[in-house]
C-alpha atoms as a PDB file:
ATOM      1  CA  MET A   1      95.801  69.690   6.455  1.00  0.00           C
ATOM      2  CA  SER A   2      93.667  72.671   7.073  1.00  0.00           C
ATOM      3  CA  THR A   3      95.424  75.889   8.342  1.00  0.00           C
ATOM      4  CA  PHE A   4      92.422  77.372  10.136  1.00  0.00           C
ATOM      5  CA  PRO A   5      92.733  77.312  13.945  1.00  0.00           C
ATOM      6  CA  ARG A   6      90.293  75.312  15.851  1.00  0.00           C
ATOM      7  CA  TRP A   7      88.448  76.586  18.990  1.00  0.00           C
ATOM      8  CA  VAL A   8      89.037  74.710  22.128  1.00  0.00           C
ATOM      9  CA  ALA A   9      86.040  74.204  24.229  1.00  0.00           C
ATOM     10  CA  ASN A  10      86.192  76.426  27.408  1.00  0.00           C
ATOM     11  CA  PRO A  11      83.400  76.234  29.932  1.00  0.00           C
ATOM     12  CA  ASP A  12      84.186  79.795  31.196  1.00  0.00           C
ATOM     13  CA  ARG A  13      83.811  81.409  27.776  1.00  0.00           C
ATOM     14  CA  PRO A  14      80.958  80.787  25.376  1.00  0.00           C
ATOM     15  CA  ASP A  15      81.615  79.472  21.966  1.00  0.00           C
ATOM     16  CA  PRO A  16      81.500  82.436  19.543  1.00  0.00           C
ATOM     17  CA  VAL A  17      80.158  80.278  16.835  1.00  0.00           C
ATOM     18  CA  SER A  18      77.333  79.002  18.940  1.00  0.00           C
ATOM     19  CA  THR A  19      76.577  82.501  20.256  1.00  0.00           C
ATOM     20  CA  HIS A  20      76.639  83.937  16.806  1.00  0.00           C
ATOM     21  CA  HIS A  21      74.129  81.397  15.736  1.00  0.00           C
ATOM     22  CA  ALA A  22      71.859  81.821  18.859  1.00  0.00           C
ATOM     23  CA  SER A  23      68.236  82.622  18.287  1.00  0.00           C
ATOM     24  CA  PRO A  24      66.901  86.258  18.586  1.00  0.00           C
ATOM     25  CA  ALA A  25      65.029  85.368  21.792  1.00  0.00           C
ATOM     26  CA  ALA A  26      68.204  84.035  23.401  1.00  0.00           C
ATOM     27  CA  ARG A  27      70.122  87.152  22.385  1.00  0.00           C
ATOM     28  CA  ARG A  28      67.438  89.422  23.966  1.00  0.00           C
ATOM     29  CA  ALA A  29      67.513  87.417  27.203  1.00  0.00           C
ATOM     30  CA  ALA A  30      71.290  87.659  27.343  1.00  0.00           C
ATOM     31  CA  LEU A  31      71.100  91.435  26.711  1.00  0.00           C
ATOM     32  CA  LEU A  32      68.578  91.928  29.556  1.00  0.00           C
ATOM     33  CA  VAL A  33      70.746  89.938  31.952  1.00  0.00           C
ATOM     34  CA  GLY A  34      73.744  92.096  31.035  1.00  0.00           C
ATOM     35  CA  VAL A  35      71.847  95.337  31.604  1.00  0.00           C
ATOM     36  CA  ALA A  36      70.609  94.110  34.999  1.00  0.00           C
ATOM     37  CA  LEU A  37      74.140  93.150  36.055  1.00  0.00           C
ATOM     38  CA  LEU A  38      75.474  96.555  34.964  1.00  0.00           C
ATOM     39  CA  SER A  39      72.795  98.435  36.966  1.00  0.00           C
ATOM     40  CA  LEU A  40      73.503  96.375  40.084  1.00  0.00           C
ATOM     41  CA  LEU A  41      77.238  97.044  39.838  1.00  0.00           C
ATOM     42  CA  THR A  42      76.609 100.810  39.383  1.00  0.00           C
ATOM     43  CA  ALA A  43      74.305 101.005  42.409  1.00  0.00           C
ATOM     44  CA  CYS A  44      76.764  99.123  44.601  1.00  0.00           C
ATOM     45  CA  GLY A  45      79.598 101.375  43.536  1.00  0.00           C
ATOM     46  CA  ASN A  46      77.740 104.654  44.353  1.00  0.00           C
ATOM     47  CA  SER A  47      76.089 103.716  47.710  1.00  0.00           C
ATOM     48  CA  THR A  48      77.149 105.759  50.836  1.00  0.00           C
ATOM     49  CA  PRO A  49      76.325 105.327  54.588  1.00  0.00           C
ATOM     50  CA  GLN A  50      73.279 107.250  55.849  1.00  0.00           C
ATOM     51  CA  SER A  51      74.095 110.088  58.317  1.00  0.00           C
ATOM     52  CA  THR A  52      72.616 110.180  61.846  1.00  0.00           C
ATOM     53  CA  PRO A  53      69.596 112.572  62.113  1.00  0.00           C
ATOM     54  CA  LYS A  54      70.492 115.861  63.823  1.00  0.00           C
ATOM     55  CA  THR A  55      68.461 118.382  65.832  1.00  0.00           C
ATOM     56  CA  LEU A  56      67.671 121.445  63.758  1.00  0.00           C
ATOM     57  CA  PRO A  57      68.584 124.887  65.159  1.00  0.00           C
ATOM     58  CA  GLY A  58      66.043 127.506  66.154  1.00  0.00           C
ATOM     59  CA  THR A  59      62.594 126.669  67.442  1.00  0.00           C
ATOM     60  CA  ALA A  60      62.138 123.536  65.358  1.00  0.00           C
ATOM     61  CA  GLY A  61      61.588 120.307  67.242  1.00  0.00           C
ATOM     62  CA  PRO A  62      64.052 117.400  67.178  1.00  0.00           C
ATOM     63  CA  ALA A  63      64.426 115.595  63.893  1.00  0.00           C
ATOM     64  CA  SER A  64      62.809 112.214  63.546  1.00  0.00           C
ATOM     65  CA  GLY A  65      64.784 109.541  65.394  1.00  0.00           C
ATOM     66  CA  ASP A  66      66.742 112.035  67.559  1.00  0.00           C
ATOM     67  CA  THR A  67      67.013 110.949  71.198  1.00  0.00           C
ATOM     68  CA  GLY A  68      68.198 114.344  72.509  1.00  0.00           C
ATOM     69  CA  THR A  69      66.285 116.921  74.613  1.00  0.00           C
ATOM     70  CA  LYS A  70      62.534 116.718  74.378  1.00  0.00           C
ATOM     71  CA  ALA A  71      60.534 119.568  73.006  1.00  0.00           C
ATOM     72  CA  GLY A  72      59.354 122.038  75.601  1.00  0.00           C
ATOM     73  CA  SER A  73      62.246 121.437  78.025  1.00  0.00           C
ATOM     74  CA  THR A  74      64.058 124.684  77.189  1.00  0.00           C
ATOM     75  CA  GLY A  75      62.701 126.554  80.240  1.00  0.00           C
ATOM     76  CA  ALA A  76      59.648 128.090  78.594  1.00  0.00           C
ATOM     77  CA  ALA A  77      56.498 127.804  80.679  1.00  0.00           C
ATOM     78  CA  THR A  78      53.900 125.409  79.416  1.00  0.00           C
ATOM     79  CA  PRO A  79      50.317 126.713  79.098  1.00  0.00           C
ATOM     80  CA  ALA A  80      49.353 124.890  82.313  1.00  0.00           C
ATOM     81  CA  ALA A  81      52.265 126.396  84.231  1.00  0.00           C
ATOM     82  CA  SER A  82      51.477 129.860  82.899  1.00  0.00           C
ATOM     83  CA  ALA A  83      47.882 129.580  84.019  1.00  0.00           C
ATOM     84  CA  SER A  84      48.857 128.489  87.502  1.00  0.00           C
ATOM     85  CA  SER A  85      51.430 131.257  87.825  1.00  0.00           C
ATOM     86  CA  LYS A  86      48.693 133.831  87.270  1.00  0.00           C
ATOM     87  CA  LYS A  87      46.986 132.699  90.459  1.00  0.00           C
ATOM     88  CA  THR A  88      49.823 133.749  92.758  1.00  0.00           C
ATOM     89  CA  GLY A  89      48.584 137.251  93.535  1.00  0.00           C
ATOM     90  CA  THR A  90      48.045 138.364  97.101  1.00  0.00           C
ATOM     91  CA  GLY A  91      44.411 139.452  96.710  1.00  0.00           C
ATOM     92  CA  THR A  92      41.517 137.047  96.809  1.00  0.00           C
ATOM     93  CA  GLY A  93      38.834 139.352  95.379  1.00  0.00           C
ATOM     94  CA  THR A  94      36.360 138.223  98.019  1.00  0.00           C
ATOM     95  CA  GLY A  95      36.311 141.466  99.980  1.00  0.00           C
ATOM     96  CA  THR A  96      37.223 139.672 103.202  1.00  0.00           C
ATOM     97  CA  GLY A  97      40.740 141.094 103.574  1.00  0.00           C
ATOM     98  CA  SER A  98      41.938 142.646 106.799  1.00  0.00           C
ATOM     99  CA  ALA A  99      41.097 146.301 107.361  1.00  0.00           C
ATOM    100  CA  PRO A 100      43.893 148.829 108.008  1.00  0.00           C
ATOM    101  CA  ALA A 101      45.107 148.906 111.577  1.00  0.00           C
ATOM    102  CA  SER A 102      43.620 152.343 112.256  1.00  0.00           C
ATOM    103  CA  ALA A 103      40.187 151.306 110.982  1.00  0.00           C
ATOM    104  CA  SER A 104      40.287 148.088 112.970  1.00  0.00           C
ATOM    105  CA  ALA A 105      41.259 149.978 116.116  1.00  0.00           C
ATOM    106  CA  GLY A 106      38.443 152.461 115.618  1.00  0.00           C
ATOM    107  CA  SER A 107      35.882 149.729 115.089  1.00  0.00           C
ATOM    108  CA  ALA A 108      37.055 147.801 118.131  1.00  0.00           C
ATOM    109  CA  ALA A 109      37.000 150.961 120.219  1.00  0.00           C
ATOM    110  CA  GLY A 110      33.479 151.924 119.278  1.00  0.00           C
ATOM    111  CA  GLY A 111      31.977 151.676 115.802  1.00  0.00           C
ATOM    112  CA  GLY A 112      33.893 154.276 113.780  1.00  0.00           C
ATOM    113  CA  ARG A 113      34.486 158.022 113.853  1.00  0.00           C
ATOM    114  CA  CYS A 114      32.035 160.454 115.421  1.00  0.00           C
ATOM    115  CA  HIS A 115      30.531 162.750 112.817  1.00  0.00           C
ATOM    116  CA  THR A 116      29.648 166.373 113.406  1.00  0.00           C
ATOM    117  CA  SER A 117      25.936 165.591 113.299  1.00  0.00           C
ATOM    118  CA  GLU A 118      26.403 163.188 116.231  1.00  0.00           C
ATOM    119  CA  LEU A 119      28.144 165.676 118.519  1.00  0.00           C
ATOM    120  CA  ARG A 120      27.393 168.740 120.588  1.00  0.00           C
ATOM    121  CA  ALA A 121      30.104 171.326 121.312  1.00  0.00           C
ATOM    122  CA  SER A 122      30.428 173.483 124.429  1.00  0.00           C
ATOM    123  CA  VAL A 123      33.068 175.556 126.222  1.00  0.00           C
ATOM    124  CA  GLY A 124      33.784 174.720 129.827  1.00  0.00           C
ATOM    125  CA  ARG A 125      34.791 176.966 132.693  1.00  0.00           C
ATOM    126  CA  ASN A 126      38.070 178.885 132.507  1.00  0.00           C
ATOM    127  CA  ASP A 127      40.906 177.527 134.631  1.00  0.00           C
ATOM    128  CA  PRO A 128      43.512 180.324 134.613  1.00  0.00           C
ATOM    129  CA  GLY A 129      47.079 179.901 135.801  1.00  0.00           C
ATOM    130  CA  ALA A 130      50.489 181.567 135.494  1.00  0.00           C
ATOM    131  CA  GLY A 131      49.188 184.283 133.174  1.00  0.00           C
ATOM    132  CA  GLN A 132      47.372 181.772 130.978  1.00  0.00           C
ATOM    133  CA  GLU A 133      43.696 181.389 130.181  1.00  0.00           C
ATOM    134  CA  ASN A 134      42.632 177.761 129.814  1.00  0.00           C
ATOM    135  CA  PHE A 135      39.237 176.781 128.437  1.00  0.00           C
ATOM    136  CA  PRO A 136      38.140 173.199 127.713  1.00  0.00           C
ATOM    137  CA  ILE A 137      36.346 172.667 124.393  1.00  0.00           C
ATOM    138  CA  VAL A 138      33.972 169.774 125.052  1.00  0.00           C
ATOM    139  CA  LEU A 139      32.498 167.390 122.460  1.00  0.00           C
ATOM    140  CA  THR A 140      29.585 165.241 123.655  1.00  0.00           C
ATOM    141  CA  ASN A 141      28.147 162.243 121.815  1.00  0.00           C
ATOM    142  CA  THR A 142      24.435 162.880 121.215  1.00  0.00           C
ATOM    143  CA  SER A 143      23.878 159.827 118.993  1.00  0.00           C
ATOM    144  CA  GLY A 144      22.580 156.407 119.950  1.00  0.00           C
ATOM    145  CA  ARG A 145      25.823 154.610 119.098  1.00  0.00           C
ATOM    146  CA  THR A 146      29.354 154.526 120.427  1.00  0.00           C
ATOM    147  CA  CYS A 147      31.805 156.403 118.188  1.00  0.00           C
ATOM    148  CA  THR A 148      35.361 157.686 118.401  1.00  0.00           C
ATOM    149  CA  VAL A 149      37.312 160.942 118.236  1.00  0.00           C
ATOM    150  CA  ARG A 150      41.051 161.268 117.756  1.00  0.00           C
ATOM    151  CA  GLY A 151      43.538 164.099 117.361  1.00  0.00           C
ATOM    152  CA  TYR A 152      42.942 167.844 117.270  1.00  0.00           C
ATOM    153  CA  PRO A 153      39.704 169.740 116.722  1.00  0.00           C
ATOM    154  CA  GLY A 154      39.584 172.919 114.679  1.00  0.00           C
ATOM    155  CA  ALA A 155      38.623 176.243 116.299  1.00  0.00           C
ATOM    156  CA  ALA A 156      38.224 179.886 115.327  1.00  0.00           C
ATOM    157  CA  PHE A 157      36.889 183.011 117.041  1.00  0.00           C
ATOM    158  CA  VAL A 158      34.359 184.977 114.954  1.00  0.00           C
ATOM    159  CA  ASP A 159      32.450 188.223 115.374  1.00  0.00           C
ATOM    160  CA  ALA A 160      28.694 188.637 115.042  1.00  0.00           C
ATOM    161  CA  SER A 161      28.964 188.748 111.236  1.00  0.00           C
ATOM    162  CA  GLY A 162      30.913 185.490 111.154  1.00  0.00           C
ATOM    163  CA  LYS A 163      34.277 187.134 110.340  1.00  0.00           C
ATOM    164  CA  GLN A 164      37.250 185.356 111.907  1.00  0.00           C
ATOM    165  CA  LEU A 165      39.133 187.203 114.611  1.00  0.00           C
ATOM    166  CA  GLY A 166      42.845 186.500 114.825  1.00  0.00           C
ATOM    167  CA  PRO A 167      44.859 183.649 113.261  1.00  0.00           C
ATOM    168  CA  ASP A 168      44.058 179.968 113.420  1.00  0.00           C
ATOM    169  CA  PRO A 169      45.066 178.334 116.712  1.00  0.00           C
ATOM    170  CA  LEU A 170      48.351 176.452 116.896  1.00  0.00           C
ATOM    171  CA  ARG A 171      48.610 172.798 117.892  1.00  0.00           C
ATOM    172  CA  SER A 172      50.478 172.074 121.075  1.00  0.00           C
ATOM    173  CA  SER A 173      52.616 168.940 121.174  1.00  0.00           C
ATOM    174  CA  GLY A 174      50.901 165.750 122.226  1.00  0.00           C
ATOM    175  CA  ALA A 175      50.362 162.130 121.235  1.00  0.00           C
ATOM    176  CA  PRO A 176      46.888 161.572 119.754  1.00  0.00           C
ATOM    177  CA  THR A 177      44.891 158.660 121.138  1.00  0.00           C
ATOM    178  CA  THR A 178      41.547 157.246 120.060  1.00  0.00           C
ATOM    179  CA  VAL A 179      38.811 158.137 122.515  1.00  0.00           C
ATOM    180  CA  ALA A 180      35.630 156.041 122.448  1.00  0.00           C
ATOM    181  CA  LEU A 181      32.477 157.953 123.285  1.00  0.00           C
ATOM    182  CA  ALA A 182      29.438 156.011 124.377  1.00  0.00           C
ATOM    183  CA  PRO A 183      26.124 157.854 123.969  1.00  0.00           C
ATOM    184  CA  GLY A 184      26.127 160.884 126.312  1.00  0.00           C
ATOM    185  CA  HIS A 185      29.899 160.725 126.994  1.00  0.00           C
ATOM    186  CA  SER A 186      32.374 163.518 126.252  1.00  0.00           C
ATOM    187  CA  ALA A 187      35.952 164.292 125.228  1.00  0.00           C
ATOM    188  CA  TRP A 188      37.715 167.633 125.512  1.00  0.00           C
ATOM    189  CA  SER A 189      40.569 169.661 124.039  1.00  0.00           C
ATOM    190  CA  GLY A 190      42.328 172.492 125.897  1.00  0.00           C
ATOM    191  CA  LEU A 191      42.187 175.979 124.334  1.00  0.00           C
ATOM    192  CA  THR A 192      44.898 178.186 125.837  1.00  0.00           C
ATOM    193  CA  PHE A 193      46.159 181.745 125.329  1.00  0.00           C
ATOM    194  CA  SER A 194      48.082 184.341 127.299  1.00  0.00           C
ATOM    195  CA  ASN A 195      46.066 186.850 129.323  1.00  0.00           C
ATOM    196  CA  PRO A 196      45.902 189.937 127.069  1.00  0.00           C
ATOM    197  CA  GLU A 197      46.207 192.321 130.010  1.00  0.00           C
ATOM    198  CA  ILE A 198      49.564 190.750 130.817  1.00  0.00           C
ATOM    199  CA  SER A 199      50.873 190.098 127.298  1.00  0.00           C
ATOM    200  CA  GLY A 200      49.809 193.453 125.856  1.00  0.00           C
ATOM    201  CA  ALA A 201      48.302 191.797 122.737  1.00  0.00           C
ATOM    202  CA  HIS A 202      45.540 193.526 120.794  1.00  0.00           C
ATOM    203  CA  THR A 203      42.182 192.053 121.717  1.00  0.00           C
ATOM    204  CA  ALA A 204      38.650 191.565 120.501  1.00  0.00           C
ATOM    205  CA  THR A 205      35.543 190.097 122.062  1.00  0.00           C
ATOM    206  CA  PRO A 206      34.236 187.240 119.910  1.00  0.00           C
ATOM    207  CA  ALA A 207      30.549 186.503 119.457  1.00  0.00           C
ATOM    208  CA  SER A 208      31.119 182.806 118.885  1.00  0.00           C
ATOM    209  CA  LEU A 209      33.672 180.029 118.766  1.00  0.00           C
ATOM    210  CA  ILE A 210      33.501 177.803 115.695  1.00  0.00           C
ATOM    211  CA  VAL A 211      34.474 174.195 116.530  1.00  0.00           C
ATOM    212  CA  THR A 212      35.194 171.480 113.972  1.00  0.00           C
ATOM    213  CA  PRO A 213      35.449 167.913 115.367  1.00  0.00           C
ATOM    214  CA  PRO A 214      38.578 165.906 114.433  1.00  0.00           C
ATOM    215  CA  ASP A 215      38.598 164.609 110.854  1.00  0.00           C
ATOM    216  CA  GLU A 216      35.321 166.376 110.013  1.00  0.00           C
ATOM    217  CA  ARG A 217      34.514 169.252 107.663  1.00  0.00           C
ATOM    218  CA  ASP A 218      31.245 170.469 109.120  1.00  0.00           C
ATOM    219  CA  SER A 219      31.505 172.642 112.222  1.00  0.00           C
ATOM    220  CA  LEU A 220      29.543 173.521 115.342  1.00  0.00           C
ATOM    221  CA  THR A 221      28.945 177.032 116.697  1.00  0.00           C
ATOM    222  CA  VAL A 222      29.260 177.819 120.391  1.00  0.00           C
ATOM    223  CA  THR A 223      28.371 181.184 121.955  1.00  0.00           C
ATOM    224  CA  TRP A 224      31.511 182.708 123.451  1.00  0.00           C
ATOM    225  CA  THR A 225      31.192 184.086 126.991  1.00  0.00           C
ATOM    226  CA  GLY A 226      34.869 184.091 127.964  1.00  0.00           C
ATOM    227  CA  GLY A 227      35.535 187.792 127.359  1.00  0.00           C
ATOM    228  CA  LYS A 228      38.362 189.327 125.368  1.00  0.00           C
ATOM    229  CA  VAL A 229      40.843 187.230 123.434  1.00  0.00           C
ATOM    230  CA  PRO A 230      44.166 188.150 121.757  1.00  0.00           C
ATOM    231  CA  VAL A 231      43.838 188.681 118.021  1.00  0.00           C
ATOM    232  CA  SER A 232      47.098 190.371 116.964  1.00  0.00           C
ATOM    233  CA  GLY A 233      50.403 191.686 118.258  1.00  0.00           C
ATOM    234  CA  ASN A 234      52.849 190.035 120.624  1.00  0.00           C
ATOM    235  CA  ALA A 235      51.814 186.834 122.426  1.00  0.00           C
ATOM    236  CA  SER A 236      48.570 186.665 120.522  1.00  0.00           C
ATOM    237  CA  SER A 237      48.811 182.942 119.761  1.00  0.00           C
ATOM    238  CA  VAL A 238      46.029 180.583 120.776  1.00  0.00           C
ATOM    239  CA  SER A 239      46.809 176.861 121.060  1.00  0.00           C
ATOM    240  CA  LEU A 240      44.839 173.585 121.148  1.00  0.00           C
ATOM    241  CA  THR A 241      45.642 170.203 122.659  1.00  0.00           C
ATOM    242  CA  VAL A 242      44.675 166.732 121.460  1.00  0.00           C
ATOM    243  CA  VAL A 243      41.307 165.410 122.611  1.00  0.00           C
ATOM    244  CA  ARG A 244      41.187 163.269 125.756  1.00  0.00           C
ATOM    245  CA  PRO A 245      38.373 161.583 127.670  1.00  0.00           C
ATOM    246  CA  GLY A 246      36.117 163.595 129.977  1.00  0.00           C
ATOM    247  CA  SER A 247      34.832 167.143 130.132  1.00  0.00           C
ATOM    248  CA  GLY A 248      37.954 168.895 131.376  1.00  0.00           C
ATOM    249  CA  ALA A 249      36.182 170.094 134.526  1.00  0.00           C
END
């Protein structure tokens, strides 16, 4: 009896004899199948779950697939909003804005300020009282339009050479009002000083009175016929009132 063991057929394990004697083509096919199975097992063993996309920090937009805040919703103005916000100024640039209140009042009262070239100056009759000399300085509209005067005129006594005599007049208290002068109409301001014979002030006899209309630079010259005026010393002040309608007569 032979002592060599005999192989028992097992369907789950190939016969080594038959495998050993398989053809080269069969062995290559078996080798390829083994390699493929090994690769599949390796891939399955190393696979990991994919992480959820996250929003990147900074100014970058959301990552692909992120359902969070949309780009541009961080409070920054969009180009369209920026353009519209630039239109919120108060000026229109059309030149049709309202004029200042003073200009509007002047226009409504009579077409703007009277200029020196549109006026004639004169000195009215003295109206003395209580040791005071009171002369009205009269401004008459000689133009063909209605214009306005407002506030205090300027005045100065001068000698024949044009040198000023005494200090500039003071302004007495009063509330200025706008006076509209139609062509040929007048407004007046009171020029007042103490009688030099009573006050004892040093005096001079002016040749002229220089009158500057309110808000003007050019002046008018009026021949002075009112006698001596105080020019220095005690009680030598001369004062002016605001202009008011009429001639002061």
